[in-house]
């Protein structure tokens, strides 16, 4: 691994922890970071995750991390971003969905030359793609069936 990548990963690690898991709920193993707190500020909270996710993904591209890992990182961030748009629920979701820490772990795991995606990486990405395809196709098939059933098509 290139020395500048190591320094960048160290900085990204600090920010990931700060955003996702810097604080512990007393008496529990539950952690949270600034992300759910910043999420309470309209506008600012909705920008934090996408900007940091973009930095992580940009570094993944620079390090030539396998594409499937980049897609997995993108999916983690998109789930965080999309659920984050829902008031209150998105803020609560940020306590459990630690996209920044997970994406950093993926980045660090694959930062070494010759590291390959695991079967779990492929299963995760293909499952999400399958769910998205099903979520698109099933309503279309149902709509076409309704239209043909009532002879509107």
N, C-alpha and C. Protein backbone atom coordinates (compact mmCIF):
# COMPACT_ATOMS: atom_id res chain seq x y z
N UNK A 1 0.85 -1.17 0.00
CA UNK A 1 0.00 0.00 0.00
C UNK A 1 0.90 1.24 0.00
N UNK A 2 0.54 2.19 -0.81
CA UNK A 2 1.27 3.44 -0.93
C UNK A 2 1.17 4.22 0.37
N UNK A 3 2.24 4.93 0.76
CA UNK A 3 2.28 5.67 2.02
C UNK A 3 1.18 6.72 2.11
N UNK A 4 0.89 7.42 1.01
CA UNK A 4 -0.16 8.44 1.05
C UNK A 4 -1.53 7.80 1.26
N UNK A 5 -1.72 6.57 0.74
CA UNK A 5 -2.98 5.87 0.99
C UNK A 5 -3.13 5.57 2.48
N UNK A 6 -2.03 5.20 3.12
CA UNK A 6 -2.06 4.91 4.55
C UNK A 6 -2.44 6.12 5.37
N UNK A 7 -1.89 7.27 5.02
CA UNK A 7 -2.25 8.51 5.74
C UNK A 7 -3.71 8.88 5.50
N UNK A 8 -4.15 8.73 4.26
CA UNK A 8 -5.54 9.05 3.94
C UNK A 8 -6.48 8.10 4.67
N UNK A 9 -6.15 6.80 4.69
CA UNK A 9 -6.99 5.84 5.41
C UNK A 9 -7.07 6.18 6.90
N UNK A 10 -5.97 6.61 7.48
CA UNK A 10 -5.97 6.99 8.89
C UNK A 10 -6.92 8.17 9.13
N UNK A 11 -6.88 9.16 8.25
CA UNK A 11 -7.77 10.32 8.38
C UNK A 11 -9.23 9.90 8.17
N UNK A 12 -9.48 9.06 7.17
CA UNK A 12 -10.84 8.59 6.91
C UNK A 12 -11.35 7.76 8.09
N UNK A 13 -10.47 6.98 8.72
CA UNK A 13 -10.84 6.18 9.89
C UNK A 13 -11.31 7.09 11.03
N UNK A 14 -10.57 8.17 11.28
CA UNK A 14 -10.95 9.10 12.35
C UNK A 14 -12.33 9.70 12.10
N UNK A 15 -12.56 10.13 10.85
CA UNK A 15 -13.86 10.72 10.51
C UNK A 15 -14.99 9.70 10.54
N UNK A 16 -14.71 8.47 10.11
CA UNK A 16 -15.74 7.41 10.13
C UNK A 16 -16.20 7.15 11.56
N UNK A 17 -15.22 7.02 12.45
CA UNK A 17 -15.55 6.76 13.86
C UNK A 17 -16.29 7.95 14.45
N UNK A 18 -15.84 9.16 14.15
CA UNK A 18 -16.50 10.35 14.68
C UNK A 18 -17.96 10.42 14.20
N UNK A 19 -18.19 10.08 12.95
CA UNK A 19 -19.55 10.16 12.40
C UNK A 19 -20.45 9.01 12.86
N UNK A 20 -19.87 7.81 13.07
CA UNK A 20 -20.72 6.63 13.32
C UNK A 20 -20.63 6.02 14.72
N UNK A 21 -19.51 6.14 15.40
CA UNK A 21 -19.40 5.34 16.63
C UNK A 21 -18.49 5.95 17.71
N UNK A 22 -18.35 7.24 17.75
CA UNK A 22 -17.43 7.87 18.71
C UNK A 22 -17.93 7.85 20.15
N UNK A 23 -19.24 7.74 20.32
CA UNK A 23 -19.83 7.84 21.66
C UNK A 23 -20.53 6.53 22.02
N UNK A 24 -20.51 6.22 23.30
CA UNK A 24 -21.15 4.98 23.78
C UNK A 24 -22.30 5.37 24.73
N UNK A 25 -23.43 4.67 24.56
CA UNK A 25 -24.55 4.86 25.47
C UNK A 25 -24.13 4.20 26.79
N UNK A 26 -24.12 4.97 27.89
CA UNK A 26 -23.65 4.43 29.18
C UNK A 26 -24.39 3.14 29.57
N UNK A 27 -23.61 2.17 30.01
CA UNK A 27 -24.16 0.91 30.46
C UNK A 27 -24.54 -0.06 29.37
N UNK A 28 -24.24 0.29 28.11
CA UNK A 28 -24.56 -0.59 26.98
C UNK A 28 -23.35 -0.70 26.06
N UNK A 29 -23.49 -1.54 25.06
CA UNK A 29 -22.45 -1.62 24.03
C UNK A 29 -22.85 -0.82 22.79
N UNK A 30 -23.95 -0.09 22.88
CA UNK A 30 -24.43 0.72 21.76
C UNK A 30 -23.57 1.96 21.57
N UNK A 31 -23.18 2.17 20.32
CA UNK A 31 -22.39 3.36 20.00
C UNK A 31 -23.12 4.19 18.96
N UNK A 32 -22.77 5.45 18.91
CA UNK A 32 -23.29 6.35 17.89
C UNK A 32 -22.27 7.45 17.67
N UNK A 33 -22.44 8.18 16.60
CA UNK A 33 -21.52 9.26 16.29
C UNK A 33 -22.27 10.56 16.06
N UNK A 34 -21.61 11.45 15.38
CA UNK A 34 -22.23 12.75 15.10
C UNK A 34 -23.30 12.69 14.02
N UNK A 35 -23.29 11.64 13.20
CA UNK A 35 -24.23 11.55 12.08
C UNK A 35 -25.69 11.69 12.52
N UNK A 36 -26.18 10.91 13.51
CA UNK A 36 -27.58 11.10 13.90
C UNK A 36 -27.83 12.45 14.57
N UNK A 37 -26.83 13.02 15.21
CA UNK A 37 -26.98 14.33 15.84
C UNK A 37 -27.08 15.41 14.76
N UNK A 38 -26.16 15.35 13.79
CA UNK A 38 -26.19 16.32 12.68
C UNK A 38 -27.46 16.16 11.85
N UNK A 39 -28.00 14.93 11.83
CA UNK A 39 -29.23 14.68 11.08
C UNK A 39 -30.41 15.47 11.60
N UNK A 40 -30.33 15.91 12.83
CA UNK A 40 -31.41 16.72 13.40
C UNK A 40 -31.42 18.14 12.86
N UNK A 41 -30.31 18.55 12.24
CA UNK A 41 -30.21 19.90 11.67
C UNK A 41 -30.64 19.81 10.20
N UNK A 42 -31.80 20.40 9.87
CA UNK A 42 -32.28 20.31 8.48
C UNK A 42 -31.22 20.80 7.48
N UNK A 43 -31.04 20.03 6.43
CA UNK A 43 -30.08 20.38 5.38
C UNK A 43 -28.69 19.88 5.68
N UNK A 44 -28.12 20.26 6.80
CA UNK A 44 -26.75 19.86 7.14
C UNK A 44 -26.65 18.35 7.32
N UNK A 45 -27.59 17.78 8.05
CA UNK A 45 -27.56 16.34 8.30
C UNK A 45 -27.69 15.53 7.02
N UNK A 46 -28.47 16.03 6.09
CA UNK A 46 -28.67 15.32 4.82
C UNK A 46 -27.46 15.41 3.90
N UNK A 47 -26.54 16.31 4.19
CA UNK A 47 -25.34 16.46 3.37
C UNK A 47 -24.14 15.69 3.91
N UNK A 48 -24.11 15.47 5.21
CA UNK A 48 -22.93 14.87 5.85
C UNK A 48 -22.60 13.50 5.27
N UNK A 49 -23.57 12.59 5.29
CA UNK A 49 -23.32 11.23 4.82
C UNK A 49 -22.96 11.18 3.34
N UNK A 50 -23.71 11.85 2.46
CA UNK A 50 -23.34 11.78 1.04
C UNK A 50 -21.94 12.32 0.76
N UNK A 51 -21.55 13.40 1.42
CA UNK A 51 -20.22 13.97 1.18
C UNK A 51 -19.12 13.02 1.66
N UNK A 52 -19.30 12.46 2.86
CA UNK A 52 -18.27 11.56 3.36
C UNK A 52 -18.25 10.26 2.55
N UNK A 53 -19.41 9.77 2.16
CA UNK A 53 -19.47 8.56 1.33
C UNK A 53 -18.75 8.81 0.01
N UNK A 54 -18.91 10.00 -0.55
CA UNK A 54 -18.22 10.33 -1.79
C UNK A 54 -16.71 10.31 -1.60
N UNK A 55 -16.23 10.82 -0.46
CA UNK A 55 -14.79 10.78 -0.18
C UNK A 55 -14.29 9.34 -0.09
N UNK A 56 -15.04 8.49 0.61
CA UNK A 56 -14.64 7.08 0.73
C UNK A 56 -14.62 6.41 -0.64
N UNK A 57 -15.64 6.66 -1.44
CA UNK A 57 -15.71 6.04 -2.76
C UNK A 57 -14.62 6.58 -3.69
N UNK A 58 -14.34 7.85 -3.61
CA UNK A 58 -13.27 8.43 -4.42
C UNK A 58 -11.94 7.76 -4.07
N UNK A 59 -11.71 7.56 -2.79
CA UNK A 59 -10.47 6.90 -2.39
C UNK A 59 -10.46 5.44 -2.84
N UNK A 60 -11.60 4.78 -2.81
CA UNK A 60 -11.69 3.39 -3.29
C UNK A 60 -11.31 3.32 -4.77
N UNK A 61 -11.76 4.28 -5.54
CA UNK A 61 -11.43 4.31 -6.97
C UNK A 61 -9.93 4.55 -7.15
N UNK A 62 -9.39 5.50 -6.40
CA UNK A 62 -7.95 5.79 -6.49
C UNK A 62 -7.09 4.58 -6.14
N UNK A 63 -7.56 3.80 -5.17
CA UNK A 63 -6.80 2.63 -4.73
C UNK A 63 -7.08 1.40 -5.60
N UNK A 64 -7.94 1.56 -6.58
CA UNK A 64 -8.31 0.47 -7.48
C UNK A 64 -8.90 -0.72 -6.73
N UNK A 65 -9.77 -0.39 -5.78
CA UNK A 65 -10.51 -1.41 -5.04
C UNK A 65 -11.44 -2.10 -6.04
N UNK A 66 -11.65 -3.42 -5.94
CA UNK A 66 -12.52 -4.11 -6.90
C UNK A 66 -13.89 -3.43 -7.02
N UNK A 67 -14.42 -3.42 -8.23
CA UNK A 67 -15.70 -2.74 -8.52
C UNK A 67 -16.84 -3.24 -7.64
N UNK A 68 -16.89 -4.55 -7.41
CA UNK A 68 -18.00 -5.08 -6.60
C UNK A 68 -17.94 -4.49 -5.19
N UNK A 69 -16.77 -4.23 -4.68
CA UNK A 69 -16.63 -3.62 -3.35
C UNK A 69 -17.08 -2.17 -3.41
N UNK A 70 -16.74 -1.48 -4.50
CA UNK A 70 -17.21 -0.10 -4.67
C UNK A 70 -18.73 -0.06 -4.72
N UNK A 71 -19.34 -1.02 -5.41
CA UNK A 71 -20.81 -1.08 -5.49
C UNK A 71 -21.39 -1.34 -4.10
N UNK A 72 -20.75 -2.26 -3.37
CA UNK A 72 -21.23 -2.54 -2.01
C UNK A 72 -21.15 -1.29 -1.14
N UNK A 73 -20.07 -0.54 -1.24
CA UNK A 73 -19.92 0.70 -0.49
C UNK A 73 -21.01 1.70 -0.88
N UNK A 74 -21.27 1.80 -2.18
CA UNK A 74 -22.30 2.71 -2.67
C UNK A 74 -23.67 2.32 -2.13
N UNK A 75 -23.98 1.03 -2.12
CA UNK A 75 -25.27 0.58 -1.59
C UNK A 75 -25.40 0.93 -0.11
N UNK A 76 -24.34 0.68 0.68
CA UNK A 76 -24.37 1.05 2.10
C UNK A 76 -24.71 2.53 2.27
N UNK A 77 -24.05 3.36 1.48
CA UNK A 77 -24.27 4.81 1.58
C UNK A 77 -25.67 5.20 1.10
N UNK A 78 -26.13 4.60 0.01
CA UNK A 78 -27.46 4.93 -0.52
C UNK A 78 -28.57 4.58 0.46
N UNK A 79 -28.44 3.42 1.12
CA UNK A 79 -29.45 3.05 2.13
C UNK A 79 -29.47 4.12 3.22
N UNK A 80 -28.30 4.52 3.69
CA UNK A 80 -28.20 5.54 4.72
C UNK A 80 -28.82 6.86 4.25
N UNK A 81 -28.52 7.24 3.04
CA UNK A 81 -29.02 8.51 2.50
C UNK A 81 -30.53 8.47 2.31
N UNK A 82 -31.04 7.39 1.70
CA UNK A 82 -32.47 7.32 1.40
C UNK A 82 -33.32 7.24 2.67
N UNK A 83 -32.92 6.41 3.61
CA UNK A 83 -33.68 6.33 4.86
C UNK A 83 -33.52 7.63 5.64
N UNK A 84 -32.38 8.28 5.49
CA UNK A 84 -32.14 9.55 6.18
C UNK A 84 -33.08 10.66 5.76
N UNK A 85 -33.69 10.54 4.59
CA UNK A 85 -34.64 11.56 4.14
C UNK A 85 -35.97 11.50 4.90
N UNK A 86 -36.23 10.39 5.59
CA UNK A 86 -37.48 10.24 6.33
C UNK A 86 -37.30 10.89 7.70
N UNK A 87 -38.06 11.93 7.99
CA UNK A 87 -37.90 12.62 9.28
C UNK A 87 -38.05 11.65 10.46
N UNK A 88 -37.29 11.84 11.47
CA UNK A 88 -37.25 11.10 12.73
C UNK A 88 -36.78 9.65 12.51
N UNK A 89 -37.43 8.92 11.63
CA UNK A 89 -37.04 7.53 11.37
C UNK A 89 -35.61 7.47 10.85
N UNK A 90 -35.28 8.38 9.95
CA UNK A 90 -33.92 8.43 9.41
C UNK A 90 -32.88 8.72 10.48
N UNK A 91 -33.23 9.59 11.40
CA UNK A 91 -32.30 9.93 12.49
C UNK A 91 -32.11 8.73 13.42
N UNK A 92 -33.18 8.02 13.72
CA UNK A 92 -33.09 6.82 14.56
C UNK A 92 -32.31 5.72 13.84
N UNK A 93 -32.53 5.61 12.54
CA UNK A 93 -31.85 4.60 11.73
C UNK A 93 -30.33 4.79 11.79
N UNK A 94 -29.89 6.04 11.85
CA UNK A 94 -28.45 6.34 11.90
C UNK A 94 -27.76 5.77 13.13
N UNK A 95 -28.52 5.46 14.18
CA UNK A 95 -27.91 4.86 15.37
C UNK A 95 -27.47 3.43 15.10
N UNK A 96 -28.13 2.74 14.17
CA UNK A 96 -27.80 1.35 13.90
C UNK A 96 -27.08 1.10 12.60
N UNK A 97 -27.37 1.91 11.59
CA UNK A 97 -26.77 1.73 10.27
C UNK A 97 -25.49 2.53 10.22
N UNK A 98 -24.37 1.87 10.27
CA UNK A 98 -23.06 2.52 10.37
C UNK A 98 -22.33 2.44 9.03
N UNK A 99 -22.92 3.06 8.01
CA UNK A 99 -22.38 2.96 6.65
C UNK A 99 -20.94 3.44 6.55
N UNK A 100 -20.59 4.50 7.25
CA UNK A 100 -19.23 5.03 7.15
C UNK A 100 -18.19 4.05 7.70
N UNK A 101 -18.47 3.50 8.87
CA UNK A 101 -17.54 2.54 9.48
C UNK A 101 -17.46 1.27 8.64
N UNK A 102 -18.61 0.80 8.14
CA UNK A 102 -18.62 -0.41 7.31
C UNK A 102 -17.85 -0.18 6.01
N UNK A 103 -18.07 0.98 5.39
CA UNK A 103 -17.38 1.27 4.14
C UNK A 103 -15.87 1.42 4.36
N UNK A 104 -15.49 2.02 5.46
CA UNK A 104 -14.07 2.11 5.76
C UNK A 104 -13.47 0.72 5.94
N UNK A 105 -14.19 -0.16 6.64
CA UNK A 105 -13.70 -1.54 6.84
C UNK A 105 -13.52 -2.24 5.49
N UNK A 106 -14.47 -2.04 4.58
CA UNK A 106 -14.33 -2.63 3.23
C UNK A 106 -13.11 -2.05 2.53
N UNK A 107 -12.94 -0.76 2.64
CA UNK A 107 -11.80 -0.08 2.01
C UNK A 107 -10.48 -0.61 2.57
N UNK A 108 -10.40 -0.72 3.88
CA UNK A 108 -9.15 -1.20 4.50
C UNK A 108 -8.90 -2.67 4.18
N UNK A 109 -9.96 -3.47 4.12
CA UNK A 109 -9.79 -4.89 3.83
C UNK A 109 -9.24 -5.11 2.43
N UNK A 110 -9.60 -4.23 1.51
CA UNK A 110 -9.18 -4.40 0.12
C UNK A 110 -8.08 -3.43 -0.30
N UNK A 111 -7.47 -2.75 0.66
CA UNK A 111 -6.42 -1.77 0.36
C UNK A 111 -5.10 -2.43 -0.01
N UNK A 112 -4.99 -3.71 0.19
CA UNK A 112 -3.75 -4.42 -0.07
C UNK A 112 -3.79 -5.05 -1.45
N UNK A 113 -2.73 -4.91 -2.22
CA UNK A 113 -2.71 -5.49 -3.57
C UNK A 113 -3.00 -6.99 -3.52
N UNK A 114 -3.81 -7.44 -4.45
CA UNK A 114 -4.12 -8.86 -4.55
C UNK A 114 -5.32 -9.29 -3.74
N UNK A 115 -5.89 -8.41 -2.89
CA UNK A 115 -7.07 -8.81 -2.13
C UNK A 115 -8.26 -8.87 -3.08
N UNK A 116 -9.08 -9.90 -2.88
CA UNK A 116 -10.20 -10.13 -3.78
C UNK A 116 -11.51 -10.05 -3.01
N UNK A 117 -12.58 -9.74 -3.73
CA UNK A 117 -13.89 -9.73 -3.08
C UNK A 117 -14.23 -11.13 -2.57
N UNK A 118 -14.94 -11.17 -1.45
CA UNK A 118 -15.36 -12.45 -0.90
C UNK A 118 -16.69 -12.87 -1.53
N UNK A 119 -17.06 -14.11 -1.28
CA UNK A 119 -18.36 -14.60 -1.75
C UNK A 119 -19.46 -13.75 -1.12
N UNK A 120 -19.28 -13.36 0.16
CA UNK A 120 -20.27 -12.53 0.84
C UNK A 120 -20.45 -11.17 0.17
N UNK A 121 -19.37 -10.59 -0.34
CA UNK A 121 -19.48 -9.32 -1.06
C UNK A 121 -20.37 -9.48 -2.28
N UNK A 122 -20.12 -10.53 -3.04
CA UNK A 122 -20.92 -10.79 -4.24
C UNK A 122 -22.37 -11.08 -3.88
N UNK A 123 -22.59 -11.89 -2.85
CA UNK A 123 -23.96 -12.23 -2.44
C UNK A 123 -24.70 -10.97 -2.03
N UNK A 124 -24.05 -10.10 -1.26
CA UNK A 124 -24.69 -8.85 -0.82
C UNK A 124 -25.11 -8.01 -2.02
N UNK A 125 -24.17 -7.77 -2.93
CA UNK A 125 -24.45 -6.91 -4.08
C UNK A 125 -25.53 -7.54 -4.97
N UNK A 126 -25.40 -8.83 -5.27
CA UNK A 126 -26.38 -9.48 -6.15
C UNK A 126 -27.76 -9.56 -5.50
N UNK A 127 -27.82 -9.72 -4.18
CA UNK A 127 -29.11 -9.72 -3.48
C UNK A 127 -29.78 -8.36 -3.59
N UNK A 128 -29.02 -7.31 -3.37
CA UNK A 128 -29.59 -5.96 -3.47
C UNK A 128 -30.06 -5.69 -4.90
N UNK A 129 -29.27 -6.07 -5.88
CA UNK A 129 -29.67 -5.88 -7.28
C UNK A 129 -30.94 -6.69 -7.55
N UNK A 130 -31.01 -7.91 -7.05
CA UNK A 130 -32.20 -8.74 -7.22
C UNK A 130 -33.43 -8.12 -6.59
N UNK A 131 -33.28 -7.57 -5.41
CA UNK A 131 -34.41 -6.91 -4.73
C UNK A 131 -34.86 -5.69 -5.53
N UNK A 132 -33.90 -4.91 -6.03
CA UNK A 132 -34.26 -3.74 -6.84
C UNK A 132 -34.98 -4.13 -8.13
N UNK A 133 -34.50 -5.19 -8.78
CA UNK A 133 -35.16 -5.67 -10.00
C UNK A 133 -36.57 -6.15 -9.66
N UNK A 134 -36.73 -6.92 -8.59
CA UNK A 134 -38.05 -7.41 -8.20
C UNK A 134 -38.98 -6.26 -7.84
N UNK A 135 -38.44 -5.25 -7.14
CA UNK A 135 -39.25 -4.10 -6.75
C UNK A 135 -39.70 -3.30 -7.97
N UNK A 136 -38.99 -3.43 -9.06
CA UNK A 136 -39.36 -2.74 -10.30
C UNK A 136 -40.29 -3.60 -11.14
N UNK A 137 -39.97 -4.86 -11.29
CA UNK A 137 -40.71 -5.75 -12.19
C UNK A 137 -42.06 -6.17 -11.62
N UNK A 138 -42.13 -6.51 -10.35
CA UNK A 138 -43.40 -7.01 -9.77
C UNK A 138 -44.53 -6.00 -9.91
N UNK A 139 -44.34 -4.74 -9.57
CA UNK A 139 -45.45 -3.78 -9.77
C UNK A 139 -45.83 -3.63 -11.24
N UNK A 140 -44.85 -3.69 -12.14
CA UNK A 140 -45.16 -3.59 -13.57
C UNK A 140 -45.99 -4.78 -14.04
N UNK A 141 -45.59 -5.97 -13.64
CA UNK A 141 -46.33 -7.18 -14.02
C UNK A 141 -47.74 -7.12 -13.44
N UNK A 142 -47.86 -6.70 -12.20
CA UNK A 142 -49.18 -6.59 -11.57
C UNK A 142 -50.04 -5.57 -12.29
N UNK A 143 -49.48 -4.43 -12.65
CA UNK A 143 -50.23 -3.40 -13.38
C UNK A 143 -50.69 -3.92 -14.73
N UNK A 144 -49.80 -4.61 -15.45
CA UNK A 144 -50.18 -5.19 -16.74
C UNK A 144 -51.28 -6.24 -16.57
N UNK A 145 -51.18 -7.05 -15.54
CA UNK A 145 -52.22 -8.05 -15.27
C UNK A 145 -53.56 -7.38 -15.00
N UNK A 146 -53.55 -6.31 -14.17
CA UNK A 146 -54.80 -5.58 -13.89
C UNK A 146 -55.39 -4.99 -15.16
N UNK A 147 -54.53 -4.38 -15.97
CA UNK A 147 -55.01 -3.78 -17.22
C UNK A 147 -55.61 -4.82 -18.14
N UNK A 148 -54.96 -5.98 -18.26
CA UNK A 148 -55.50 -7.03 -19.14
C UNK A 148 -56.74 -7.66 -18.54
N UNK A 149 -56.82 -7.76 -17.25
CA UNK A 149 -57.98 -8.35 -16.56
C UNK A 149 -59.22 -7.52 -16.79
N UNK A 150 -59.08 -6.23 -16.79
CA UNK A 150 -60.22 -5.32 -16.98
C UNK A 150 -60.27 -4.81 -18.42
N UNK A 151 -59.53 -5.49 -19.29
CA UNK A 151 -59.54 -5.20 -20.74
C UNK A 151 -59.26 -3.73 -21.06
N UNK A 152 -58.35 -3.16 -20.29
CA UNK A 152 -57.94 -1.78 -20.53
C UNK A 152 -56.66 -1.75 -21.37
N UNK A 153 -56.15 -2.89 -21.66
CA UNK A 153 -54.88 -2.97 -22.39
C UNK A 153 -55.05 -3.71 -23.68
